[in-house]
Amino acid sequence: PGQIQEALGDKLELPVKENFLKAENIGELIAGGITHECTHL
């Protein structure tokens, strides 16, 4: 979590290429990761 925040903390609104999550920016990718993590929790 600290590594992600350090590397991407100021980039959450940057757009990302089309992806299977349909995320439009880095923040949405991270949110998708949290959702995935909760499933495995």
PDB file of all heavy atoms in Angstrom:
ATOM      1  N   PRO A   1       0.816  -1.223   0.000  1.00  0.00           N
ATOM      2  CA  PRO A   1       0.000   0.000   0.000  1.00  0.00           C
ATOM      3  C   PRO A   1       0.849   1.272   0.000  1.00  0.00           C
ATOM      4  O   PRO A   1       0.543   2.227  -0.725  1.00  0.00           O
ATOM      5  CB  PRO A   1      -0.841  -0.119   1.270  1.00  0.00           C
ATOM      6  CG  PRO A   1      -0.962  -1.597   1.480  1.00  0.00           C
ATOM      7  CD  PRO A   1       0.391  -2.141   1.064  1.00  0.00           C
ATOM      8  N   GLY A   2       1.904   1.297   0.786  1.00  0.00           N
ATOM      9  CA  GLY A   2       2.787   2.461   0.808  1.00  0.00           C
ATOM     10  C   GLY A   2       3.503   2.667  -0.513  1.00  0.00           C
ATOM     11  O   GLY A   2       3.681   3.809  -0.966  1.00  0.00           O
ATOM     12  N   GLN A   3       3.895   1.566  -1.142  1.00  0.00           N
ATOM     13  CA  GLN A   3       4.558   1.657  -2.444  1.00  0.00           C
ATOM     14  C   GLN A   3       3.610   2.228  -3.493  1.00  0.00           C
ATOM     15  O   GLN A   3       4.010   3.060  -4.316  1.00  0.00           O
ATOM     16  CB  GLN A   3       5.054   0.276  -2.880  1.00  0.00           C
ATOM     17  CG  GLN A   3       6.160  -0.272  -2.030  1.00  0.00           C
ATOM     18  CD  GLN A   3       6.405  -1.752  -2.278  1.00  0.00           C
ATOM     19  OE1 GLN A   3       5.508  -2.487  -2.721  1.00  0.00           O
ATOM     20  NE2 GLN A   3       7.613  -2.204  -1.972  1.00  0.00           N
ATOM     21  N   ILE A   4       2.370   1.782  -3.462  1.00  0.00           N
ATOM     22  CA  ILE A   4       1.377   2.275  -4.417  1.00  0.00           C
ATOM     23  C   ILE A   4       1.119   3.759  -4.177  1.00  0.00           C
ATOM     24  O   ILE A   4       1.099   4.557  -5.118  1.00  0.00           O
ATOM     25  CB  ILE A   4       0.071   1.456  -4.334  1.00  0.00           C
ATOM     26  CG1 ILE A   4       0.318   0.027  -4.826  1.00  0.00           C
ATOM     27  CG2 ILE A   4      -1.046   2.120  -5.141  1.00  0.00           C
ATOM     28  CD1 ILE A   4      -0.832  -0.939  -4.565  1.00  0.00           C
ATOM     29  N   GLN A   5       0.957   4.124  -2.913  1.00  0.00           N
ATOM     30  CA  GLN A   5       0.690   5.527  -2.614  1.00  0.00           C
ATOM     31  C   GLN A   5       1.873   6.402  -3.011  1.00  0.00           C
ATOM     32  O   GLN A   5       1.681   7.485  -3.594  1.00  0.00           O
ATOM     33  CB  GLN A   5       0.366   5.716  -1.140  1.00  0.00           C
ATOM     34  CG  GLN A   5      -0.012   7.145  -0.821  1.00  0.00           C
ATOM     35  CD  GLN A   5      -0.585   7.313   0.570  1.00  0.00           C
ATOM     36  OE1 GLN A   5      -0.657   6.377   1.355  1.00  0.00           O
ATOM     37  NE2 GLN A   5      -1.005   8.516   0.877  1.00  0.00           N
ATOM     38  N   GLU A   6       3.078   5.956  -2.728  1.00  0.00           N
ATOM     39  CA  GLU A   6       4.260   6.752  -3.071  1.00  0.00           C
ATOM     40  C   GLU A   6       4.394   6.939  -4.580  1.00  0.00           C
ATOM     41  O   GLU A   6       4.665   8.031  -5.064  1.00  0.00           O
ATOM     42  CB  GLU A   6       5.519   6.081  -2.524  1.00  0.00           C
ATOM     43  CG  GLU A   6       6.775   6.881  -2.773  1.00  0.00           C
ATOM     44  CD  GLU A   6       8.010   6.230  -2.186  1.00  0.00           C
ATOM     45  OE1 GLU A   6       7.901   5.598  -1.118  1.00  0.00           O
ATOM     46  OE2 GLU A   6       9.076   6.349  -2.805  1.00  0.00           O
ATOM     47  N   ALA A   7       4.176   5.857  -5.325  1.00  0.00           N
ATOM     48  CA  ALA A   7       4.359   5.923  -6.779  1.00  0.00           C
ATOM     49  C   ALA A   7       3.204   6.603  -7.508  1.00  0.00           C
ATOM     50  O   ALA A   7       3.412   7.260  -8.527  1.00  0.00           O
ATOM     51  CB  ALA A   7       4.556   4.511  -7.335  1.00  0.00           C
ATOM     52  N   LEU A   8       1.984   6.420  -6.985  1.00  0.00           N
ATOM     53  CA  LEU A   8       0.814   6.844  -7.749  1.00  0.00           C
ATOM     54  C   LEU A   8      -0.090   7.848  -7.031  1.00  0.00           C
ATOM     55  O   LEU A   8      -1.102   8.262  -7.586  1.00  0.00           O
ATOM     56  CB  LEU A   8      -0.013   5.605  -8.128  1.00  0.00           C
ATOM     57  CG  LEU A   8       0.729   4.521  -8.912  1.00  0.00           C
ATOM     58  CD1 LEU A   8      -0.134   3.276  -9.047  1.00  0.00           C
ATOM     59  CD2 LEU A   8       1.154   5.039 -10.263  1.00  0.00           C
ATOM     60  N   GLY A   9       0.271   8.234  -5.837  1.00  0.00           N
ATOM     61  CA  GLY A   9      -0.589   9.091  -5.019  1.00  0.00           C
ATOM     62  C   GLY A   9      -1.001  10.390  -5.656  1.00  0.00           C
ATOM     63  O   GLY A   9      -2.110  10.874  -5.428  1.00  0.00           O
ATOM     64  N   ASP A  10      -0.152  10.942  -6.481  1.00  0.00           N
ATOM     65  CA  ASP A  10      -0.493  12.204  -7.136  1.00  0.00           C
ATOM     66  C   ASP A  10      -0.903  12.002  -8.595  1.00  0.00           C
ATOM     67  O   ASP A  10      -0.971  12.948  -9.365  1.00  0.00           O
ATOM     68  CB  ASP A  10       0.677  13.185  -7.053  1.00  0.00           C
ATOM     69  CG  ASP A  10       1.945  12.668  -7.724  1.00  0.00           C
ATOM     70  OD1 ASP A  10       2.002  11.468  -8.082  1.00  0.00           O
ATOM     71  OD2 ASP A  10       2.882  13.466  -7.892  1.00  0.00           O
ATOM     72  N   LYS A  11      -1.202  10.752  -8.950  1.00  0.00           N
ATOM     73  CA  LYS A  11      -1.537  10.436 -10.343  1.00  0.00           C
ATOM     74  C   LYS A  11      -2.919   9.785 -10.501  1.00  0.00           C
ATOM     75  O   LYS A  11      -3.216   9.207 -11.541  1.00  0.00           O
ATOM     76  CB  LYS A  11      -0.478   9.489 -10.920  1.00  0.00           C
ATOM     77  CG  LYS A  11       0.920  10.082 -10.953  1.00  0.00           C
ATOM     78  CD  LYS A  11       1.908   9.069 -11.504  1.00  0.00           C
ATOM     79  CE  LYS A  11       3.244   9.736 -11.693  1.00  0.00           C
ATOM     80  NZ  LYS A  11       4.258   9.325 -10.787  1.00  0.00           N
ATOM     81  N   LEU A  12      -3.750   9.870  -9.480  1.00  0.00           N
ATOM     82  CA  LEU A  12      -5.020   9.137  -9.493  1.00  0.00           C
ATOM     83  C   LEU A  12      -5.920   9.513 -10.658  1.00  0.00           C
ATOM     84  O   LEU A  12      -6.684   8.676 -11.146  1.00  0.00           O
ATOM     85  CB  LEU A  12      -5.769   9.338  -8.175  1.00  0.00           C
ATOM     86  CG  LEU A  12      -5.071   8.799  -6.927  1.00  0.00           C
ATOM     87  CD1 LEU A  12      -5.957   9.016  -5.706  1.00  0.00           C
ATOM     88  CD2 LEU A  12      -4.696   7.336  -7.079  1.00  0.00           C
ATOM     89  N   GLU A  13      -5.847  10.732 -11.120  1.00  0.00           N
ATOM     90  CA  GLU A  13      -6.728  11.179 -12.193  1.00  0.00           C
ATOM     91  C   GLU A  13      -6.139  10.960 -13.595  1.00  0.00           C
ATOM     92  O   GLU A  13      -6.814  11.237 -14.592  1.00  0.00           O
ATOM     93  CB  GLU A  13      -7.083  12.651 -12.000  1.00  0.00           C
ATOM     94  CG  GLU A  13      -7.846  12.934 -10.710  1.00  0.00           C
ATOM     95  CD  GLU A  13      -9.163  12.163 -10.584  1.00  0.00           C
ATOM     96  OE1 GLU A  13      -9.836  11.939 -11.613  1.00  0.00           O
ATOM     97  OE2 GLU A  13      -9.505  11.772  -9.457  1.00  0.00           O
ATOM     98  N   LEU A  14      -4.915  10.447 -13.669  1.00  0.00           N
ATOM     99  CA  LEU A  14      -4.317  10.215 -14.988  1.00  0.00           C
ATOM    100  C   LEU A  14      -5.077   9.124 -15.728  1.00  0.00           C
ATOM    101  O   LEU A  14      -5.373   8.068 -15.168  1.00  0.00           O
ATOM    102  CB  LEU A  14      -2.848   9.808 -14.862  1.00  0.00           C
ATOM    103  CG  LEU A  14      -1.869  10.898 -14.443  1.00  0.00           C
ATOM    104  CD1 LEU A  14      -0.457  10.324 -14.361  1.00  0.00           C
ATOM    105  CD2 LEU A  14      -1.911  12.070 -15.406  1.00  0.00           C
ATOM    106  N   PRO A  15      -5.406   9.338 -16.987  1.00  0.00           N
ATOM    107  CA  PRO A  15      -6.135   8.335 -17.762  1.00  0.00           C
ATOM    108  C   PRO A  15      -5.266   7.109 -18.030  1.00  0.00           C
ATOM    109  O   PRO A  15      -4.040   7.183 -18.064  1.00  0.00           O
ATOM    110  CB  PRO A  15      -6.478   9.058 -19.067  1.00  0.00           C
ATOM    111  CG  PRO A  15      -5.546  10.207 -19.145  1.00  0.00           C
ATOM    112  CD  PRO A  15      -5.121  10.551 -17.760  1.00  0.00           C
ATOM    113  N   VAL A  16      -5.933   5.972 -18.192  1.00  0.00           N
ATOM    114  CA  VAL A  16      -5.256   4.712 -18.519  1.00  0.00           C
ATOM    115  C   VAL A  16      -5.856   4.153 -19.804  1.00  0.00           C
ATOM    116  O   VAL A  16      -6.972   4.504 -20.193  1.00  0.00           O
ATOM    117  CB  VAL A  16      -5.375   3.680 -17.372  1.00  0.00           C
ATOM    118  CG1 VAL A  16      -4.637   4.168 -16.135  1.00  0.00           C
ATOM    119  CG2 VAL A  16      -6.829   3.368 -17.031  1.00  0.00           C
ATOM    120  N   LYS A  17      -5.099   3.273 -20.438  1.00  0.00           N
ATOM    121  CA  LYS A  17      -5.587   2.629 -21.661  1.00  0.00           C
ATOM    122  C   LYS A  17      -6.777   1.737 -21.334  1.00  0.00           C
ATOM    123  O   LYS A  17      -6.984   1.336 -20.182  1.00  0.00           O
ATOM    124  CB  LYS A  17      -4.480   1.773 -22.274  1.00  0.00           C
ATOM    125  CG  LYS A  17      -3.372   2.574 -22.890  1.00  0.00           C
ATOM    126  CD  LYS A  17      -2.358   1.654 -23.555  1.00  0.00           C
ATOM    127  CE  LYS A  17      -1.267   2.470 -24.220  1.00  0.00           C
ATOM    128  NZ  LYS A  17      -0.236   1.625 -24.827  1.00  0.00           N
ATOM    129  N   GLU A  18      -7.505   1.384 -22.363  1.00  0.00           N
ATOM    130  CA  GLU A  18      -8.649   0.492 -22.206  1.00  0.00           C
ATOM    131  C   GLU A  18      -8.192  -0.770 -21.489  1.00  0.00           C
ATOM    132  O   GLU A  18      -7.118  -1.309 -21.774  1.00  0.00           O
ATOM    133  CB  GLU A  18      -9.227   0.151 -23.576  1.00  0.00           C
ATOM    134  CG  GLU A  18     -10.531  -0.598 -23.492  1.00  0.00           C
ATOM    135  CD  GLU A  18     -11.167  -0.791 -24.855  1.00  0.00           C
ATOM    136  OE1 GLU A  18     -11.086   0.137 -25.693  1.00  0.00           O
ATOM    137  OE2 GLU A  18     -11.730  -1.875 -25.060  1.00  0.00           O
ATOM    138  N   ASN A  19      -9.005  -1.249 -20.560  1.00  0.00           N
ATOM    139  CA  ASN A  19      -8.645  -2.409 -19.747  1.00  0.00           C
ATOM    140  C   ASN A  19      -9.891  -3.195 -19.374  1.00  0.00           C
ATOM    141  O   ASN A  19     -11.005  -2.718 -19.528  1.00  0.00           O
ATOM    142  CB  ASN A  19      -7.872  -1.958 -18.503  1.00  0.00           C
ATOM    143  CG  ASN A  19      -8.666  -0.944 -17.694  1.00  0.00           C
ATOM    144  OD1 ASN A  19      -9.583  -1.305 -16.975  1.00  0.00           O
ATOM    145  ND2 ASN A  19      -8.335   0.340 -17.854  1.00  0.00           N
ATOM    146  N   PHE A  20      -9.684  -4.403 -18.880  1.00  0.00           N
ATOM    147  CA  PHE A  20     -10.797  -5.295 -18.566  1.00  0.00           C
ATOM    148  C   PHE A  20     -11.670  -4.775 -17.436  1.00  0.00           C
ATOM    149  O   PHE A  20     -12.842  -5.152 -17.322  1.00  0.00           O
ATOM    150  CB  PHE A  20     -10.294  -6.710 -18.250  1.00  0.00           C
ATOM    151  CG  PHE A  20      -9.547  -6.814 -16.949  1.00  0.00           C
ATOM    152  CD1 PHE A  20     -10.205  -7.197 -15.793  1.00  0.00           C
ATOM    153  CD2 PHE A  20      -8.192  -6.538 -16.879  1.00  0.00           C
ATOM    154  CE1 PHE A  20      -9.525  -7.292 -14.592  1.00  0.00           C
ATOM    155  CE2 PHE A  20      -7.501  -6.633 -15.696  1.00  0.00           C
ATOM    156  CZ  PHE A  20      -8.170  -7.009 -14.546  1.00  0.00           C
ATOM    157  N   LEU A  21     -11.155  -3.891 -16.597  1.00  0.00           N
ATOM    158  CA  LEU A  21     -11.951  -3.310 -15.520  1.00  0.00           C
ATOM    159  C   LEU A  21     -12.844  -2.171 -15.991  1.00  0.00           C
ATOM    160  O   LEU A  21     -13.717  -1.731 -15.268  1.00  0.00           O
ATOM    161  CB  LEU A  21     -11.035  -2.763 -14.410  1.00  0.00           C
ATOM    162  CG  LEU A  21     -10.340  -3.747 -13.502  1.00  0.00           C
ATOM    163  CD1 LEU A  21      -9.458  -3.005 -12.507  1.00  0.00           C
ATOM    164  CD2 LEU A  21     -11.338  -4.616 -12.771  1.00  0.00           C
ATOM    165  N   LYS A  22     -12.547  -1.667 -17.186  1.00  0.00           N
ATOM    166  CA  LYS A  22     -13.221  -0.491 -17.722  1.00  0.00           C
ATOM    167  C   LYS A  22     -12.887   0.755 -16.898  1.00  0.00           C
ATOM    168  O   LYS A  22     -13.633   1.726 -16.893  1.00  0.00           O
ATOM    169  CB  LYS A  22     -14.743  -0.678 -17.792  1.00  0.00           C
ATOM    170  CG  LYS A  22     -15.194  -1.954 -18.492  1.00  0.00           C
ATOM    171  CD  LYS A  22     -15.290  -1.760 -19.965  1.00  0.00           C
ATOM    172  CE  LYS A  22     -15.966  -2.951 -20.615  1.00  0.00           C
ATOM    173  NZ  LYS A  22     -15.124  -3.715 -21.462  1.00  0.00           N
ATOM    174  N   ALA A  23     -11.747   0.699 -16.190  1.00  0.00           N
ATOM    175  CA  ALA A  23     -11.283   1.853 -15.421  1.00  0.00           C
ATOM    176  C   ALA A  23     -10.809   2.926 -16.392  1.00  0.00           C
ATOM    177  O   ALA A  23     -10.182   2.624 -17.405  1.00  0.00           O
ATOM    178  CB  ALA A  23     -10.149   1.437 -14.489  1.00  0.00           C
ATOM    179  N   GLU A  24     -11.098   4.172 -16.053  1.00  0.00           N
ATOM    180  CA  GLU A  24     -10.696   5.286 -16.901  1.00  0.00           C
ATOM    181  C   GLU A  24      -9.441   5.981 -16.407  1.00  0.00           C
ATOM    182  O   GLU A  24      -8.785   6.685 -17.164  1.00  0.00           O
ATOM    183  CB  GLU A  24     -11.842   6.289 -17.024  1.00  0.00           C
ATOM    184  CG  GLU A  24     -13.025   5.714 -17.782  1.00  0.00           C
ATOM    185  CD  GLU A  24     -14.146   6.712 -17.965  1.00  0.00           C
ATOM    186  OE1 GLU A  24     -14.001   7.901 -17.570  1.00  0.00           O
ATOM    187  OE2 GLU A  24     -15.191   6.306 -18.505  1.00  0.00           O
ATOM    188  N   ASN A  25      -9.112   5.795 -15.121  1.00  0.00           N
ATOM    189  CA  ASN A  25      -7.918   6.443 -14.586  1.00  0.00           C
ATOM    190  C   ASN A  25      -7.259   5.560 -13.529  1.00  0.00           C
ATOM    191  O   ASN A  25      -7.796   4.523 -13.151  1.00  0.00           O
ATOM    192  CB  ASN A  25      -8.248   7.841 -14.041  1.00  0.00           C
ATOM    193  CG  ASN A  25      -9.278   7.810 -12.935  1.00  0.00           C
ATOM    194  OD1 ASN A  25      -9.203   6.999 -12.022  1.00  0.00           O
ATOM    195  ND2 ASN A  25     -10.260   8.712 -13.006  1.00  0.00           N
ATOM    196  N   ILE A  26      -6.102   5.995 -13.062  1.00  0.00           N
ATOM    197  CA  ILE A  26      -5.329   5.201 -12.103  1.00  0.00           C
ATOM    198  C   ILE A  26      -6.095   4.991 -10.804  1.00  0.00           C
ATOM    199  O   ILE A  26      -6.087   3.893 -10.242  1.00  0.00           O
ATOM    200  CB  ILE A  26      -3.948   5.848 -11.866  1.00  0.00           C
ATOM    201  CG1 ILE A  26      -3.092   5.681 -13.129  1.00  0.00           C
ATOM    202  CG2 ILE A  26      -3.253   5.250 -10.654  1.00  0.00           C
ATOM    203  CD1 ILE A  26      -1.751   6.386 -13.104  1.00  0.00           C
ATOM    204  N   GLY A  27      -6.801   6.000 -10.347  1.00  0.00           N
ATOM    205  CA  GLY A  27      -7.599   5.853  -9.130  1.00  0.00           C
ATOM    206  C   GLY A  27      -8.633   4.748  -9.250  1.00  0.00           C
ATOM    207  O   GLY A  27      -8.852   3.980  -8.303  1.00  0.00           O
ATOM    208  N   GLU A  28      -9.250   4.641 -10.410  1.00  0.00           N
ATOM    209  CA  GLU A  28     -10.241   3.586 -10.620  1.00  0.00           C
ATOM    210  C   GLU A  28      -9.581   2.219 -10.681  1.00  0.00           C
ATOM    211  O   GLU A  28     -10.176   1.224 -10.250  1.00  0.00           O
ATOM    212  CB  GLU A  28     -11.053   3.873 -11.878  1.00  0.00           C
ATOM    213  CG  GLU A  28     -11.972   5.072 -11.699  1.00  0.00           C
ATOM    214  CD  GLU A  28     -12.738   5.450 -12.956  1.00  0.00           C
ATOM    215  OE1 GLU A  28     -12.616   4.761 -13.994  1.00  0.00           O
ATOM    216  OE2 GLU A  28     -13.468   6.459 -12.898  1.00  0.00           O
ATOM    217  N   LEU A  29      -8.371   2.133 -11.189  1.00  0.00           N
ATOM    218  CA  LEU A  29      -7.640   0.854 -11.162  1.00  0.00           C
ATOM    219  C   LEU A  29      -7.386   0.422  -9.719  1.00  0.00           C
ATOM    220  O   LEU A  29      -7.570  -0.748  -9.371  1.00  0.00           O
ATOM    221  CB  LEU A  29      -6.298   0.973 -11.893  1.00  0.00           C
ATOM    222  CG  LEU A  29      -6.308   1.070 -13.402  1.00  0.00           C
ATOM    223  CD1 LEU A  29      -4.885   1.274 -13.924  1.00  0.00           C
ATOM    224  CD2 LEU A  29      -6.938  -0.163 -14.040  1.00  0.00           C
ATOM    225  N   ILE A  30      -6.964   1.371  -8.904  1.00  0.00           N
ATOM    226  CA  ILE A  30      -6.697   1.057  -7.492  1.00  0.00           C
ATOM    227  C   ILE A  30      -7.988   0.652  -6.787  1.00  0.00           C
ATOM    228  O   ILE A  30      -8.014  -0.311  -6.022  1.00  0.00           O
ATOM    229  CB  ILE A  30      -6.003   2.239  -6.794  1.00  0.00           C
ATOM    230  CG1 ILE A  30      -4.610   2.448  -7.410  1.00  0.00           C
ATOM    231  CG2 ILE A  30      -5.899   1.995  -5.286  1.00  0.00           C
ATOM    232  CD1 ILE A  30      -3.916   3.731  -6.984  1.00  0.00           C
ATOM    233  N   ALA A  31      -9.088   1.344  -7.081  1.00  0.00           N
ATOM    234  CA  ALA A  31     -10.385   0.973  -6.504  1.00  0.00           C
ATOM    235  C   ALA A  31     -10.783  -0.437  -6.934  1.00  0.00           C
ATOM    236  O   ALA A  31     -11.306  -1.216  -6.131  1.00  0.00           O
ATOM    237  CB  ALA A  31     -11.458   1.983  -6.912  1.00  0.00           C
ATOM    238  N   GLY A  32     -10.519  -0.786  -8.192  1.00  0.00           N
ATOM    239  CA  GLY A  32     -10.785  -2.151  -8.660  1.00  0.00           C
ATOM    240  C   GLY A  32      -9.959  -3.168  -7.906  1.00  0.00           C
ATOM    241  O   GLY A  32     -10.430  -4.267  -7.582  1.00  0.00           O
ATOM    242  N   GLY A  33      -8.724  -2.811  -7.592  1.00  0.00           N
ATOM    243  CA  GLY A  33      -7.860  -3.699  -6.811  1.00  0.00           C
ATOM    244  C   GLY A  33      -8.391  -3.905  -5.403  1.00  0.00           C
ATOM    245  O   GLY A  33      -8.330  -5.015  -4.861  1.00  0.00           O
ATOM    246  N   ILE A  34      -8.934  -2.843  -4.805  1.00  0.00           N
ATOM    247  CA  ILE A  34      -9.503  -2.955  -3.458  1.00  0.00           C
ATOM    248  C   ILE A  34     -10.716  -3.880  -3.477  1.00  0.00           C
ATOM    249  O   ILE A  34     -10.888  -4.728  -2.598  1.00  0.00           O
ATOM    250  CB  ILE A  34      -9.853  -1.566  -2.897  1.00  0.00           C
ATOM    251  CG1 ILE A  34      -8.575  -0.740  -2.692  1.00  0.00           C
ATOM    252  CG2 ILE A  34     -10.646  -1.688  -1.590  1.00  0.00           C
ATOM    253  CD1 ILE A  34      -8.820   0.741  -2.442  1.00  0.00           C
ATOM    254  N   THR A  35     -11.555  -3.733  -4.482  1.00  0.00           N
ATOM    255  CA  THR A  35     -12.730  -4.601  -4.618  1.00  0.00           C
ATOM    256  C   THR A  35     -12.297  -6.060  -4.753  1.00  0.00           C
ATOM    257  O   THR A  35     -12.846  -6.955  -4.102  1.00  0.00           O
ATOM    258  CB  THR A  35     -13.571  -4.173  -5.836  1.00  0.00           C
ATOM    259  OG1 THR A  35     -13.958  -2.819  -5.673  1.00  0.00           O
ATOM    260  CG2 THR A  35     -14.790  -5.053  -6.008  1.00  0.00           C
ATOM    261  N   HIS A  36     -11.295  -6.298  -5.580  1.00  0.00           N
ATOM    262  CA  HIS A  36     -10.748  -7.645  -5.762  1.00  0.00           C
ATOM    263  C   HIS A  36     -10.217  -8.181  -4.431  1.00  0.00           C
ATOM    264  O   HIS A  36     -10.466  -9.339  -4.062  1.00  0.00           O
ATOM    265  CB  HIS A  36      -9.638  -7.606  -6.824  1.00  0.00           C
ATOM    266  CG  HIS A  36      -8.935  -8.888  -7.006  1.00  0.00           C
ATOM    267  ND1 HIS A  36      -7.708  -9.130  -6.426  1.00  0.00           N
ATOM    268  CD2 HIS A  36      -9.267 -10.008  -7.692  1.00  0.00           C
ATOM    269  CE1 HIS A  36      -7.313 -10.351  -6.750  1.00  0.00           C
ATOM    270  NE2 HIS A  36      -8.239 -10.905  -7.519  1.00  0.00           N
ATOM    271  N   GLU A  37      -9.494  -7.359  -3.711  1.00  0.00           N
ATOM    272  CA  GLU A  37      -8.923  -7.772  -2.430  1.00  0.00           C
ATOM    273  C   GLU A  37     -10.013  -8.155  -1.438  1.00  0.00           C
ATOM    274  O   GLU A  37      -9.886  -9.145  -0.709  1.00  0.00           O
ATOM    275  CB  GLU A  37      -8.063  -6.651  -1.856  1.00  0.00           C
ATOM    276  CG  GLU A  37      -7.366  -7.025  -0.588  1.00  0.00           C
ATOM    277  CD  GLU A  37      -6.151  -6.170  -0.297  1.00  0.00           C
ATOM    278  OE1 GLU A  37      -5.614  -5.526  -1.214  1.00  0.00           O
ATOM    279  OE2 GLU A  37      -5.722  -6.184   0.866  1.00  0.00           O
ATOM    280  N   CYS A  38     -11.102  -7.391  -1.404  1.00  0.00           N
ATOM    281  CA  CYS A  38     -12.204  -7.689  -0.488  1.00  0.00           C
ATOM    282  C   CYS A  38     -12.830  -9.043  -0.801  1.00  0.00           C
ATOM    283  O   CYS A  38     -13.220  -9.780   0.114  1.00  0.00           O
ATOM    284  CB  CYS A  38     -13.243  -6.580  -0.522  1.00  0.00           C
ATOM    285  SG  CYS A  38     -12.667  -5.062   0.264  1.00  0.00           S
ATOM    286  N   THR A  39     -12.921  -9.385  -2.079  1.00  0.00           N
ATOM    287  CA  THR A  39     -13.435 -10.701  -2.466  1.00  0.00           C
ATOM    288  C   THR A  39     -12.550 -11.796  -1.881  1.00  0.00           C
ATOM    289  O   THR A  39     -13.049 -12.776  -1.312  1.00  0.00           O
ATOM    290  CB  THR A  39     -13.482 -10.822  -4.004  1.00  0.00           C
ATOM    291  OG1 THR A  39     -14.364  -9.828  -4.509  1.00  0.00           O
ATOM    292  CG2 THR A  39     -13.936 -12.203  -4.441  1.00  0.00           C
ATOM    293  N   HIS A  40     -11.249 -11.619  -1.992  1.00  0.00           N
ATOM    294  CA  HIS A  40     -10.341 -12.639  -1.481  1.00  0.00           C
ATOM    295  C   HIS A  40     -10.242 -12.626   0.035  1.00  0.00           C
ATOM    296  O   HIS A  40      -9.985 -13.671   0.642  1.00  0.00           O
ATOM    297  CB  HIS A  40      -8.978 -12.524  -2.174  1.00  0.00           C
ATOM    298  CG  HIS A  40      -9.084 -12.996  -3.588  1.00  0.00           C
ATOM    299  ND1 HIS A  40      -9.065 -14.324  -3.936  1.00  0.00           N
ATOM    300  CD2 HIS A  40      -9.290 -12.317  -4.742  1.00  0.00           C
ATOM    301  CE1 HIS A  40      -9.222 -14.451  -5.231  1.00  0.00           C
ATOM    302  NE2 HIS A  40      -9.375 -13.237  -5.751  1.00  0.00           N
ATOM    303  N   LEU A  41     -10.495 -11.495   0.648  1.00  0.00           N
ATOM    304  CA  LEU A  41     -10.591 -11.451   2.103  1.00  0.00           C
ATOM    305  C   LEU A  41     -11.745 -12.351   2.553  1.00  0.00           C
ATOM    306  O   LEU A  41     -11.604 -13.135   3.501  1.00  0.00           O
ATOM    307  CB  LEU A  41     -10.799 -10.007   2.570  1.00  0.00           C
ATOM    308  CG  LEU A  41     -10.913  -9.757   4.064  1.00  0.00           C
ATOM    309  CD1 LEU A  41      -9.687 -10.233   4.813  1.00  0.00           C
ATOM    310  CD2 LEU A  41     -11.139  -8.266   4.320  1.00  0.00           C
TER     311      LEU A  41
END
